[in-house]
Protein backbone atom coordinates (compact mmCIF):
# COMPACT_ATOMS: atom_id res chain seq x y z
CA MET A 1 -137.84 -26.15 186.53
CA ALA A 2 -140.24 -24.77 183.92
CA LYS A 3 -137.21 -23.83 181.79
CA THR A 4 -136.07 -27.44 181.58
CA LYS A 5 -139.53 -28.93 181.02
CA LEU A 6 -139.70 -30.81 177.77
CA ARG A 7 -142.94 -31.55 175.91
CA ILE A 8 -143.16 -34.47 173.45
CA ILE A 9 -146.14 -34.16 171.09
CA PRO A 10 -146.85 -36.76 168.37
CA LEU A 11 -148.97 -35.33 165.52
CA GLY A 12 -148.91 -38.59 163.51
CA GLY A 13 -147.61 -42.15 163.49
CA LEU A 14 -149.12 -43.30 166.80
CA SER A 15 -152.12 -45.66 166.54
CA GLU A 16 -151.54 -45.87 162.79
CA ILE A 17 -148.88 -46.95 160.31
CA GLY A 18 -147.73 -43.85 158.43
CA LYS A 19 -147.93 -40.03 158.54
CA ASN A 20 -145.13 -39.93 161.11
CA MET A 21 -144.56 -36.56 162.77
CA MET A 22 -143.19 -35.85 166.25
CA LEU A 23 -142.62 -32.50 168.01
CA LEU A 24 -140.19 -31.72 170.82
CA GLU A 25 -140.99 -28.44 172.56
CA CYS A 26 -138.91 -26.69 175.21
CA GLY A 27 -139.61 -23.07 176.18
CA ASP A 28 -139.76 -21.07 172.95
CA ASP A 29 -138.29 -23.76 170.70
CA ILE A 30 -139.99 -26.53 168.72
CA LEU A 31 -138.12 -29.23 166.82
CA VAL A 32 -140.14 -31.29 164.29
CA ILE A 33 -139.06 -34.86 163.49
CA ASP A 34 -140.36 -36.25 160.17
CA ALA A 35 -143.34 -35.15 158.07
CA GLY A 36 -144.93 -38.20 156.48
CA LEU A 37 -148.09 -39.19 154.66
CA MET A 38 -150.37 -42.19 154.97
CA PHE A 39 -152.26 -43.96 152.20
CA PRO A 40 -156.04 -43.80 152.64
CA ALA A 41 -158.05 -46.62 154.19
CA GLU A 42 -160.78 -48.23 152.05
CA GLU A 43 -163.56 -46.21 153.69
CA MET A 44 -161.84 -42.90 152.74
CA LEU A 45 -163.55 -42.80 149.35
CA GLY A 46 -161.81 -40.77 146.67
CA ILE A 47 -159.03 -39.57 148.99
CA ASP A 48 -155.51 -39.67 147.51
CA LEU A 49 -153.36 -39.16 150.63
CA VAL A 50 -153.66 -38.44 154.32
CA ILE A 51 -151.26 -36.02 156.08
CA PRO A 52 -151.01 -34.87 159.73
CA ASP A 53 -153.01 -31.91 161.02
CA ILE A 54 -150.36 -29.23 161.68
CA SER A 55 -152.66 -26.51 163.06
CA TYR A 56 -150.70 -26.53 166.37
CA LEU A 57 -147.46 -25.90 164.43
CA VAL A 58 -149.02 -23.16 162.32
CA GLU A 59 -150.27 -21.39 165.48
CA ASN A 60 -146.75 -21.63 166.97
CA ARG A 61 -144.84 -21.15 163.74
CA HIS A 62 -142.54 -18.50 165.36
CA LYS A 63 -141.18 -21.24 167.66
CA VAL A 64 -140.43 -23.86 164.98
CA ARG A 65 -136.64 -24.09 164.49
CA GLY A 66 -136.51 -26.80 161.82
CA ILE A 67 -137.71 -30.18 160.53
CA VAL A 68 -135.32 -33.10 160.99
CA ILE A 69 -135.91 -36.12 158.73
CA THR A 70 -134.77 -39.63 159.72
CA HIS A 71 -134.95 -41.23 156.24
CA GLY A 72 -136.47 -40.90 152.78
CA HIS A 73 -139.59 -43.08 152.89
CA GLU A 74 -143.00 -41.60 151.99
CA ASP A 75 -144.35 -42.11 155.51
CA HIS A 76 -141.57 -39.77 156.76
CA ILE A 77 -141.17 -37.19 153.94
CA GLY A 78 -144.45 -37.37 151.96
CA ALA A 79 -146.18 -34.45 153.73
CA LEU A 80 -143.29 -31.99 153.15
CA PRO A 81 -144.74 -30.46 149.93
CA TYR A 82 -147.93 -29.61 151.91
CA VAL A 83 -146.30 -28.63 155.22
CA LEU A 84 -143.29 -26.57 154.08
CA PRO A 85 -145.18 -23.70 152.38
CA GLN A 86 -147.02 -23.10 155.67
CA LEU A 87 -143.96 -23.25 157.95
CA LYS A 88 -141.01 -22.09 155.77
CA VAL A 89 -138.34 -23.63 158.03
CA PRO A 90 -135.05 -25.40 157.16
CA ILE A 91 -134.94 -29.19 156.67
CA TYR A 92 -132.06 -31.24 158.07
CA ALA A 93 -131.31 -34.72 156.67
CA THR A 94 -128.56 -36.99 155.30
CA LYS A 95 -127.37 -36.85 151.69
CA LEU A 96 -129.60 -39.52 150.08
CA THR A 97 -132.64 -38.44 152.13
CA LEU A 98 -132.20 -34.86 150.84
CA GLY A 99 -131.96 -36.25 147.29
CA LEU A 100 -135.32 -38.00 147.74
CA ILE A 101 -136.82 -34.87 149.35
CA ARG A 102 -135.72 -32.84 146.30
CA VAL A 103 -137.51 -35.30 143.98
CA LYS A 104 -140.62 -35.05 146.22
CA LEU A 105 -140.63 -31.23 146.45
CA LYS A 106 -140.04 -30.86 142.71
CA GLU A 107 -143.21 -32.90 142.04
CA GLY A 108 -145.11 -30.77 144.57
CA LYS A 109 -143.61 -27.54 143.12
CA ALA A 110 -142.29 -26.54 146.57
CA LEU A 111 -138.58 -26.88 145.85
CA SER A 112 -137.68 -23.26 145.02
CA GLU A 113 -138.25 -21.93 148.56
CA ALA A 114 -136.95 -24.94 150.48
CA LYS A 115 -133.86 -24.56 152.69
CA LEU A 116 -132.25 -28.02 152.63
CA LYS A 117 -129.28 -28.66 154.94
CA GLU A 118 -127.16 -31.80 154.73
CA VAL A 119 -126.04 -33.38 158.02
CA SER A 120 -123.66 -36.35 158.30
CA PRO A 121 -123.94 -38.96 161.07
CA GLY A 122 -121.92 -37.85 164.11
CA GLU A 123 -122.14 -34.13 163.21
CA GLN A 124 -123.90 -31.96 165.85
CA VAL A 125 -126.40 -29.21 165.01
CA THR A 126 -127.82 -26.70 167.50
CA LEU A 127 -131.38 -25.40 167.02
CA GLY A 128 -132.56 -23.20 169.89
CA LYS A 129 -132.39 -25.20 173.12
CA PHE A 130 -131.88 -28.47 171.22
CA ARG A 131 -128.59 -29.96 170.07
CA PHE A 132 -129.05 -33.03 167.89
CA GLU A 133 -126.84 -35.56 166.12
CA PHE A 134 -127.63 -38.40 163.75
CA PHE A 135 -126.48 -41.97 164.35
CA PRO A 136 -126.61 -44.55 161.51
CA VAL A 137 -129.38 -47.17 161.66
CA CYS A 138 -130.04 -50.05 159.30
CA HIS A 139 -133.43 -49.89 157.56
CA SER A 140 -134.70 -50.80 154.09
CA ILE A 141 -133.20 -47.63 152.59
CA PRO A 142 -129.61 -46.34 152.79
CA ASP A 143 -128.69 -43.26 154.84
CA ALA A 144 -131.37 -43.91 157.47
CA VAL A 145 -130.59 -42.45 160.89
CA GLY A 146 -131.82 -42.25 164.44
CA LEU A 147 -131.52 -39.08 166.54
CA ILE A 148 -129.70 -38.21 169.74
CA ILE A 149 -131.20 -34.96 171.04
CA HIS A 150 -129.57 -33.07 173.92
CA THR A 151 -132.26 -31.01 175.69
CA PRO A 152 -132.18 -28.96 178.93
CA ALA A 153 -134.12 -31.84 180.61
CA GLY A 154 -131.73 -34.59 179.46
CA VAL A 155 -130.87 -36.76 176.45
CA VAL A 156 -133.65 -38.07 174.18
CA VAL A 157 -132.97 -40.94 171.76
CA HIS A 158 -135.32 -41.34 168.75
CA SER A 159 -134.64 -44.66 167.02
CA GLY A 160 -136.14 -43.74 163.63
CA ASP A 161 -137.20 -46.85 161.67
CA PHE A 162 -134.55 -49.45 162.39
CA LYS A 163 -133.52 -53.09 162.45
CA LEU A 164 -130.29 -54.82 163.45
CA ASP A 165 -128.85 -56.26 160.25
CA TYR A 166 -125.14 -56.95 160.61
CA THR A 167 -124.73 -57.63 156.85
CA PRO A 168 -126.75 -54.89 155.12
CA VAL A 169 -126.63 -54.56 151.33
CA SER A 170 -126.05 -50.82 151.36
CA GLY A 171 -125.55 -48.42 154.20
CA LYS A 172 -124.11 -49.04 157.61
CA PRO A 173 -125.36 -51.38 160.35
CA THR A 174 -127.11 -49.72 163.30
CA ASP A 175 -124.48 -47.97 165.46
CA LEU A 176 -124.83 -50.00 168.67
CA SER A 177 -121.57 -48.76 170.23
CA ARG A 178 -122.77 -45.11 170.20
CA LEU A 179 -126.05 -46.20 171.82
CA ALA A 180 -124.23 -48.23 174.49
CA GLN A 181 -122.02 -45.21 175.23
CA LEU A 182 -125.15 -43.01 175.67
CA GLY A 183 -126.78 -45.69 177.85
CA ALA A 184 -123.76 -45.61 180.16
CA GLN A 185 -123.96 -41.78 180.43
CA GLY A 186 -127.73 -41.80 181.10
CA VAL A 187 -130.68 -41.34 178.72
CA LEU A 188 -133.82 -39.52 179.86
CA LEU A 189 -136.23 -40.84 177.21
CA LEU A 190 -136.22 -43.42 174.44
CA LEU A 191 -138.69 -43.16 171.55
CA SER A 192 -138.54 -46.48 169.69
CA ASP A 193 -140.06 -47.93 166.49
CA SER A 194 -142.87 -50.44 167.22
CA THR A 195 -143.95 -51.49 163.69
CA TYR A 196 -143.02 -55.16 164.18
CA ALA A 197 -143.35 -55.41 167.98
CA GLU A 198 -145.73 -58.38 167.44
CA LEU A 199 -143.06 -60.57 165.82
CA PRO A 200 -140.90 -62.78 168.05
CA GLY A 201 -137.22 -63.36 167.27
CA TYR A 202 -135.07 -61.38 164.86
CA THR A 203 -135.75 -59.84 161.43
CA PRO A 204 -133.76 -61.83 158.82
CA SER A 205 -130.83 -60.12 157.06
CA GLU A 206 -131.07 -58.52 153.59
CA ARG A 207 -128.46 -61.11 152.52
CA VAL A 208 -131.18 -63.78 152.51
CA VAL A 209 -133.08 -61.89 149.81
CA GLY A 210 -129.90 -61.48 147.76
CA GLU A 211 -129.36 -65.25 147.78
CA VAL A 212 -132.98 -65.97 146.80
CA LEU A 213 -132.84 -63.42 143.95
CA ASP A 214 -129.59 -65.01 142.76
CA HIS A 215 -131.27 -68.48 142.55
CA VAL A 216 -134.38 -67.04 140.86
CA MET A 217 -132.21 -65.23 138.29
CA ALA A 218 -130.33 -68.45 137.55
CA ASP A 219 -133.49 -70.60 137.19
CA ALA A 220 -135.96 -68.22 135.45
CA PRO A 221 -136.53 -69.53 131.88
CA GLY A 222 -137.70 -66.17 130.48
CA ARG A 223 -137.90 -62.52 131.51
CA LEU A 224 -137.75 -61.56 135.16
CA ILE A 225 -139.92 -58.73 136.51
CA VAL A 226 -139.06 -57.58 140.04
CA THR A 227 -141.45 -55.20 141.74
CA THR A 228 -140.70 -53.32 144.94
CA PHE A 229 -141.03 -49.87 146.57
CA ALA A 230 -139.55 -47.05 144.48
CA SER A 231 -137.35 -46.02 147.42
CA LEU A 232 -135.96 -49.47 148.21
CA VAL A 233 -132.51 -48.68 146.86
CA SER A 234 -130.86 -51.73 148.43
CA ARG A 235 -133.29 -54.06 146.62
CA ILE A 236 -132.56 -52.35 143.29
CA GLN A 237 -128.85 -52.88 144.03
CA GLN A 238 -129.42 -56.60 144.73
CA VAL A 239 -131.25 -57.01 141.40
CA ILE A 240 -128.44 -55.24 139.50
CA ASP A 241 -125.79 -57.43 141.24
CA ALA A 242 -127.62 -60.69 140.45
CA ALA A 243 -128.29 -59.57 136.84
CA ALA A 244 -124.60 -58.75 136.32
CA LYS A 245 -123.65 -62.21 137.60
CA HIS A 246 -126.10 -63.99 135.26
CA GLY A 247 -125.52 -61.85 132.16
CA ARG A 248 -128.92 -60.10 132.14
CA ARG A 249 -129.62 -56.43 131.42
CA VAL A 250 -131.77 -54.31 133.73
CA PHE A 251 -134.60 -51.98 132.66
CA ILE A 252 -136.28 -49.68 135.19
CA ILE A 253 -139.97 -48.91 134.56
CA GLY A 254 -142.07 -46.26 136.29
CA ARG A 255 -141.33 -42.55 136.79
CA SER A 256 -140.88 -42.55 140.57
CA MET A 257 -138.50 -45.51 140.47
CA SER A 258 -136.51 -44.10 137.53
CA ASP A 259 -136.16 -40.73 139.34
CA THR A 260 -135.01 -42.45 142.55
CA ALA A 261 -132.54 -44.73 140.74
CA ARG A 262 -131.07 -41.85 138.72
CA MET A 263 -130.60 -39.76 141.84
CA ALA A 264 -129.11 -42.70 143.84
CA LEU A 265 -126.65 -43.41 140.99
CA GLU A 266 -125.58 -39.75 140.86
CA LEU A 267 -125.03 -39.63 144.63
CA GLY A 268 -123.16 -42.93 144.64
CA TYR A 269 -125.70 -45.00 146.62
CA LEU A 270 -126.33 -47.31 143.66
CA HIS A 271 -123.52 -48.99 141.73
CA ALA A 272 -124.16 -50.42 138.25
CA PRO A 273 -121.52 -51.91 135.93
CA ASP A 274 -121.26 -50.14 132.55
CA GLY A 275 -123.90 -51.11 130.00
CA ILE A 276 -126.09 -53.10 132.43
CA LEU A 277 -128.89 -50.50 132.67
CA GLY A 278 -130.81 -50.03 129.43
CA ARG A 279 -133.67 -48.06 127.88
CA ILE A 280 -136.93 -49.96 127.75
CA ASP A 281 -137.11 -50.06 123.92
CA GLU A 282 -133.81 -52.02 123.84
CA ALA A 283 -135.44 -54.92 125.76
CA LYS A 284 -137.37 -56.08 122.67
CA ARG A 285 -134.12 -56.91 120.86
CA LEU A 286 -132.83 -59.20 123.63
CA PRO A 287 -133.66 -62.89 124.24
CA PRO A 288 -136.18 -63.18 127.15
CA ASN A 289 -133.65 -64.89 129.45
CA LYS A 290 -131.36 -61.84 129.25
CA VAL A 291 -133.95 -59.32 130.50
CA VAL A 292 -134.80 -58.04 133.99
CA PHE A 293 -137.42 -55.34 134.59
CA ILE A 294 -137.61 -53.46 137.90
CA THR A 295 -140.95 -51.78 138.47
CA THR A 296 -143.28 -50.24 141.06
CA GLY A 297 -146.69 -51.68 142.00
CA SER A 298 -145.91 -53.92 144.97
CA GLN A 299 -148.92 -52.43 146.81
CA GLY A 300 -151.37 -52.86 143.92
CA GLU A 301 -151.48 -49.09 143.26
CA PRO A 302 -153.90 -48.67 140.32
CA THR A 303 -151.62 -46.45 138.19
CA SER A 304 -148.40 -48.41 138.80
CA ALA A 305 -146.55 -50.32 136.06
CA LEU A 306 -147.13 -53.80 137.50
CA VAL A 307 -150.89 -53.33 137.90
CA ARG A 308 -151.15 -51.99 134.35
CA MET A 309 -149.26 -55.09 133.13
CA ALA A 310 -151.58 -57.33 135.17
CA ASN A 311 -154.58 -55.62 133.53
CA ARG A 312 -153.01 -55.88 130.01
CA ASP A 313 -152.88 -52.11 129.89
CA HIS A 314 -149.14 -51.29 129.80
CA ARG A 315 -147.89 -49.64 126.61
CA GLN A 316 -144.46 -51.26 126.47
CA VAL A 317 -144.52 -54.47 128.52
CA HIS A 318 -147.00 -57.31 128.05
CA ILE A 319 -146.89 -60.37 130.29
CA GLN A 320 -145.90 -63.54 128.41
CA PRO A 321 -146.07 -67.19 129.52
CA GLY A 322 -142.61 -68.01 130.89
CA ASP A 323 -142.19 -64.65 132.67
CA THR A 324 -141.21 -64.84 136.35
CA ILE A 325 -142.51 -62.05 138.56
CA VAL A 326 -141.02 -61.36 141.99
CA ILE A 327 -143.06 -59.17 144.36
CA SER A 328 -140.38 -58.00 146.78
CA ALA A 329 -142.51 -56.27 149.43
CA THR A 330 -145.14 -57.19 151.99
CA PRO A 331 -148.58 -55.63 151.55
CA ILE A 332 -149.21 -52.61 153.78
CA PRO A 333 -152.02 -53.60 156.22
CA GLY A 334 -155.34 -53.07 154.40
CA ASN A 335 -153.82 -53.56 150.93
CA GLU A 336 -153.86 -57.36 150.94
CA GLY A 337 -157.00 -57.68 148.78
CA VAL A 338 -155.71 -55.43 145.99
CA VAL A 339 -152.29 -57.14 145.98
CA ASN A 340 -153.92 -60.60 145.82
CA ARG A 341 -156.04 -59.53 142.84
CA THR A 342 -152.92 -58.32 141.03
CA VAL A 343 -151.16 -61.65 141.72
CA ASP A 344 -154.20 -63.57 140.43
CA ASN A 345 -154.27 -61.55 137.20
CA LEU A 346 -150.56 -62.21 136.62
CA PHE A 347 -151.03 -65.96 137.14
CA LYS A 348 -153.95 -65.91 134.68
CA GLN A 349 -151.58 -64.61 131.98
CA GLY A 350 -149.26 -67.58 132.42
CA ALA A 351 -146.60 -65.93 134.60
CA GLN A 352 -144.89 -67.56 137.56
CA VAL A 353 -145.30 -65.25 140.59
CA LEU A 354 -143.08 -65.32 143.68
CA TYR A 355 -144.28 -63.29 146.69
CA ASP A 356 -143.64 -63.26 150.42
CA LYS A 357 -145.85 -66.30 151.16
CA VAL A 358 -144.13 -68.65 148.70
CA ALA A 359 -140.48 -67.49 148.74
CA GLN A 360 -138.32 -65.28 150.93
CA VAL A 361 -138.14 -62.51 148.34
CA HIS A 362 -138.51 -59.71 150.88
CA VAL A 363 -137.43 -58.91 154.42
CA HIS A 364 -138.97 -55.95 156.18
CA GLY A 365 -137.01 -53.01 157.48
CA HIS A 366 -138.09 -53.04 161.13
CA GLY A 367 -136.75 -54.80 164.21
CA SER A 368 -138.62 -57.74 165.72
CA GLN A 369 -138.97 -58.32 169.49
CA GLU A 370 -135.38 -59.44 170.24
CA GLU A 371 -133.96 -56.37 168.46
CA LEU A 372 -136.33 -54.03 170.32
CA LYS A 373 -135.19 -55.65 173.59
CA LEU A 374 -131.53 -55.20 172.68
CA LEU A 375 -132.06 -51.49 172.00
CA LEU A 376 -133.79 -51.04 175.38
CA ASN A 377 -130.98 -52.95 177.06
CA LEU A 378 -128.27 -50.75 175.51
CA VAL A 379 -129.95 -47.36 175.92
CA LYS A 380 -131.28 -48.06 179.47
CA PRO A 381 -133.70 -45.09 179.35
CA LYS A 382 -135.32 -43.62 182.46
CA PHE A 383 -138.59 -43.07 180.57
CA PHE A 384 -139.85 -44.98 177.54
CA MET A 385 -142.40 -44.14 174.85
CA PRO A 386 -143.14 -46.56 171.97
CA ILE A 387 -143.71 -44.80 168.60
CA HIS A 388 -144.56 -45.74 164.96
CA GLY A 389 -147.31 -48.34 165.06
CA GLU A 390 -150.96 -49.13 165.61
CA TYR A 391 -152.16 -49.16 169.21
CA ARG A 392 -151.60 -52.89 169.67
CA HIS A 393 -147.97 -52.55 168.51
CA LEU A 394 -147.38 -49.72 171.00
CA SER A 395 -148.99 -51.73 173.84
CA LEU A 396 -146.92 -54.83 173.10
CA HIS A 397 -143.74 -52.75 172.89
CA ALA A 398 -144.60 -51.20 176.27
CA LYS A 399 -144.92 -54.74 177.75
CA LEU A 400 -141.49 -55.64 176.30
CA ALA A 401 -140.00 -52.57 178.00
CA GLN A 402 -141.55 -53.64 181.28
CA SER A 403 -140.04 -57.11 180.92
CA MET A 404 -136.65 -55.38 180.41
CA GLY A 405 -136.97 -53.64 183.77
CA VAL A 406 -138.39 -50.22 182.85
CA PRO A 407 -140.89 -49.41 185.66
CA LYS A 408 -144.52 -49.41 184.48
CA GLU A 409 -145.08 -45.81 185.69
CA ASN A 410 -142.18 -44.65 183.48
CA ILE A 411 -143.71 -46.06 180.26
CA PHE A 412 -146.11 -43.89 178.26
CA VAL A 413 -148.33 -45.17 175.46
CA LEU A 414 -149.62 -42.05 173.70
CA GLU A 415 -151.91 -41.35 170.77
CA ASP A 416 -151.65 -38.54 168.20
CA GLY A 417 -152.14 -35.17 169.89
CA ASP A 418 -151.31 -36.27 173.46
CA ILE A 419 -148.68 -34.17 175.26
CA LEU A 420 -146.01 -35.92 177.34
CA GLU A 421 -144.44 -33.45 179.74
CA ILE A 422 -141.11 -34.54 181.04
CA GLY A 423 -138.63 -33.15 183.58
CA PRO A 424 -135.34 -34.62 184.82
CA ARG A 425 -137.20 -36.70 187.44
CA LEU A 426 -140.87 -36.66 186.53
CA ALA A 427 -143.06 -37.34 183.48
CA ARG A 428 -146.83 -37.11 182.97
CA ILE A 429 -149.43 -36.81 180.21
CA ALA A 430 -150.47 -33.15 180.28
CA GLY A 431 -153.41 -32.56 177.95
CA ARG A 432 -153.82 -32.64 174.17
CA VAL A 433 -153.32 -30.48 171.11
CA SER A 434 -155.54 -30.66 168.03
CA SER A 435 -154.50 -33.52 165.77
CA GLY A 436 -156.10 -35.79 163.21
CA ASN A 437 -156.24 -36.47 159.50
CA VAL A 438 -155.99 -33.87 156.78
CA TYR A 439 -157.24 -35.33 153.51
CA VAL A 440 -155.61 -34.58 150.17
CA ASP A 441 -158.03 -35.06 147.28
CA GLY A 442 -156.79 -33.98 143.87
CA LEU A 443 -155.58 -30.42 144.31
CA SER A 444 -157.50 -29.65 147.49
CA VAL A 445 -155.75 -30.07 150.83
CA GLY A 446 -157.86 -30.16 153.95
CA ASP A 447 -161.11 -28.96 152.33
CA ILE A 448 -162.63 -32.40 152.58
CA GLY A 449 -163.80 -33.28 156.06
CA GLY A 450 -165.88 -35.93 157.77
CA VAL A 451 -169.15 -34.60 156.32
CA VAL A 452 -168.03 -35.03 152.71
CA LEU A 453 -166.72 -38.53 153.42
CA ARG A 454 -169.95 -39.45 155.19
CA ASN A 455 -171.90 -38.26 152.13
CA ARG A 456 -169.62 -40.26 149.82
CA ARG A 457 -170.18 -43.33 151.98
CA MET A 458 -173.98 -42.83 151.82
CA LEU A 459 -173.85 -42.41 148.05
CA SER A 460 -171.69 -45.51 147.67
CA LYS A 461 -174.06 -47.56 149.87
CA ASP A 462 -177.60 -46.64 148.80
CA GLY A 463 -177.34 -44.18 145.91
CA ILE A 464 -179.19 -40.93 145.31
CA VAL A 465 -182.77 -39.84 144.52
CA VAL A 466 -183.50 -36.39 143.04
CA ALA A 467 -187.09 -35.15 143.37
CA ILE A 468 -187.88 -32.34 140.89
CA ILE A 469 -190.87 -30.25 141.94
CA ALA A 470 -192.42 -27.66 139.61
CA VAL A 471 -194.40 -24.83 141.31
CA ASN A 472 -196.34 -21.94 139.86
CA ARG A 473 -194.31 -18.71 140.17
CA GLN A 474 -197.45 -16.63 141.06
CA THR A 475 -199.50 -18.93 143.27
CA GLY A 476 -196.71 -21.12 144.68
CA LYS A 477 -198.89 -24.19 144.01
CA LEU A 478 -197.72 -27.48 142.57
CA VAL A 479 -197.74 -27.87 138.76
CA GLY A 480 -198.21 -31.49 137.63
CA ARG A 481 -196.64 -34.51 139.30
CA PRO A 482 -193.13 -34.30 140.73
CA ASP A 483 -190.41 -36.01 138.70
CA ILE A 484 -188.05 -38.53 140.27
CA VAL A 485 -184.56 -39.41 138.99
CA THR A 486 -182.44 -42.07 140.73
CA ARG A 487 -178.78 -43.15 140.44
CA GLY A 488 -177.29 -46.17 142.20
CA PHE A 489 -180.49 -46.79 144.21
CA VAL A 490 -182.66 -49.34 142.35
CA ASP A 491 -183.02 -50.68 138.82
CA THR A 492 -185.71 -48.27 137.58
CA ARG A 493 -187.08 -50.78 135.05
CA LYS A 494 -187.81 -53.36 137.75
CA PHE A 495 -189.03 -50.81 140.30
CA LYS A 496 -191.01 -48.66 137.87
CA ASP A 497 -194.24 -49.09 139.84
CA MET A 498 -192.62 -48.12 143.13
CA ILE A 499 -191.14 -44.94 141.61
CA GLU A 500 -194.56 -44.01 140.09
CA GLU A 501 -196.19 -44.62 143.46
CA SER A 502 -193.68 -42.34 145.18
CA ARG A 503 -194.44 -39.58 142.64
CA ASP A 504 -198.19 -39.84 143.43
CA LEU A 505 -197.45 -39.86 147.16
CA LEU A 506 -195.40 -36.67 146.84
CA ALA A 507 -198.09 -34.95 144.76
CA ARG A 508 -200.72 -35.78 147.44
CA THR A 509 -198.48 -34.68 150.31
CA LEU A 510 -197.52 -31.38 148.73
CA ASP A 511 -201.08 -30.58 147.57
CA HIS A 512 -202.25 -30.83 151.16
CA SER A 513 -199.81 -28.20 152.32
CA GLY A 514 -202.38 -25.43 152.00
CA ALA A 515 -203.52 -23.03 149.29
CA ARG A 516 -200.97 -20.25 149.91
CA ALA A 517 -197.31 -20.27 148.81
CA VAL A 518 -195.20 -22.31 151.19
CA GLU A 519 -191.66 -21.87 152.44
CA TRP A 520 -189.10 -23.87 150.40
CA SER A 521 -187.41 -25.12 153.59
CA PHE A 522 -190.72 -26.67 154.67
CA ILE A 523 -191.22 -28.40 151.28
CA ASN A 524 -187.59 -29.58 151.37
CA ALA A 525 -187.99 -31.28 154.75
CA LYS A 526 -191.41 -32.70 153.83
CA VAL A 527 -190.13 -34.28 150.60
CA ARG A 528 -187.14 -35.84 152.39
CA ASP A 529 -189.21 -37.28 155.24
CA THR A 530 -191.92 -38.64 152.97
CA LEU A 531 -189.58 -40.32 150.49
CA ASP A 532 -187.17 -41.56 153.16
CA LYS A 533 -189.98 -43.33 155.02
CA PHE A 534 -191.59 -44.70 151.84
CA TYR A 535 -188.36 -46.08 150.29
CA TYR A 536 -187.13 -47.54 153.56
CA GLU A 537 -190.40 -49.46 154.06
CA ARG A 538 -190.21 -50.81 150.49
CA THR A 539 -186.47 -51.50 150.08
CA LYS A 540 -184.86 -51.25 153.55
CA ARG A 541 -182.40 -48.79 151.94
CA ARG A 542 -181.80 -45.13 152.67
CA PRO A 543 -180.67 -43.29 149.53
CA MET A 544 -179.56 -39.66 149.71
CA ILE A 545 -182.63 -37.54 148.80
CA LEU A 546 -182.18 -34.18 147.07
CA PRO A 547 -185.37 -32.12 146.48
CA PHE A 548 -185.07 -29.62 143.63
CA MET A 549 -187.59 -26.84 142.93
CA VAL A 550 -188.34 -25.33 139.49
CA LYS A 551 -190.54 -22.22 139.28
CA VAL A 552 -192.75 -22.05 136.16
């Protein structure tokens, strides 16, 4: 029995949107699915990216057989440059996904050692006790797949990110016949995407966006600027198609988007008629109604092309009255404020802005409730575990599964680090492994923990006060009054009297600490307590207090 026991361990992607990473463990073999990043929340001050904590994998690195990637979005491949050097295992993915991984690893300087293996849908690969195959799914990027994993305990189906679009722009529709075939043979466990489990009905087809873009292209009086995710290859294709129809030329701005488009063209996932794509300097010579720019910045990222245009800071493109801007993406939860500010700034410069609230210029890449039900109905799993989503999404998806006839005791809502142990007849939650956020800040990975972030939060709230205390090198007694320097605490001109008073208070307190030389740790604590109490009574604020001793 122990031989066939399967452990499912999510290290990321549950109770959050992003940093997806899932482990399957059986005996001495571990299979890793996806290695994504997450963008930092507002309270993570100064943090660039968040990746999963892989300490469990590093401890068991001898068991790891490979990393299988479902598709090329950042929240599934973004952690690879940080994870690969520690694990040194092969990566298995489809052709376009590997292309995007190469671009990613080249940036992170981790490409030279990477073992990248291309797998086509339907092909089977054996890694230790696992045999897996890809099946095509429709998502907002071509070459996205779900996984069918044959394990000693039974068949596991991992949906990847998916929706059911029967008329996708590029790529194949989700392979429902293969899933129905598996359902008839018996599936032990289904792991299914929950990102849009709150939305009733069906996700609209990509075709809708194509039609809207076509109308916008026809009606726009001047230049058209379309902004979307760098990896949304199907949207880039729709823009090129509409531009070709209306006699416009297309200019791609932004390094990440240019890299992706070049690679997708080379691999044949993007098709552009001759002469339609141009270099940005050629745009100046064309009439405005013959120009289309495609750019990044749909999430209000500060360094992206669109945000620089909105802030009048872009070298080559300046917004002009008569420009039409299409934001073809929905804000990631938490980004709404930044995106709204960008839209406001574009309106202020006389542009017409179309975004998801005023026109159907974007459809998301995840199934809504009816599609999630259909998947459950086809796969008919014995056990069910919702994945990819915040806790409420997972809970709602679990309720959907119950309404589809999966018994409540066979449904498991896990969080990162929980272990689901599963046998042919029985499943239970069996403990936890260490999991959590690893913060990437500049060049440092994982050096910044909760303490640093707490300090940054304190500094951002109430500022800092430095107390400089001069003591006599021989006698250890105080020399003159302590000096006080503040930053981000109070306006020193207005609060001059209060600062002077606190200097006197410190001088009195420290003079009373006896005639002999005193321990620095004692002075340190005394200064902090005295100033903390004094400033809180006066201002109801608690700045960070740093005592500093100078021997003279």
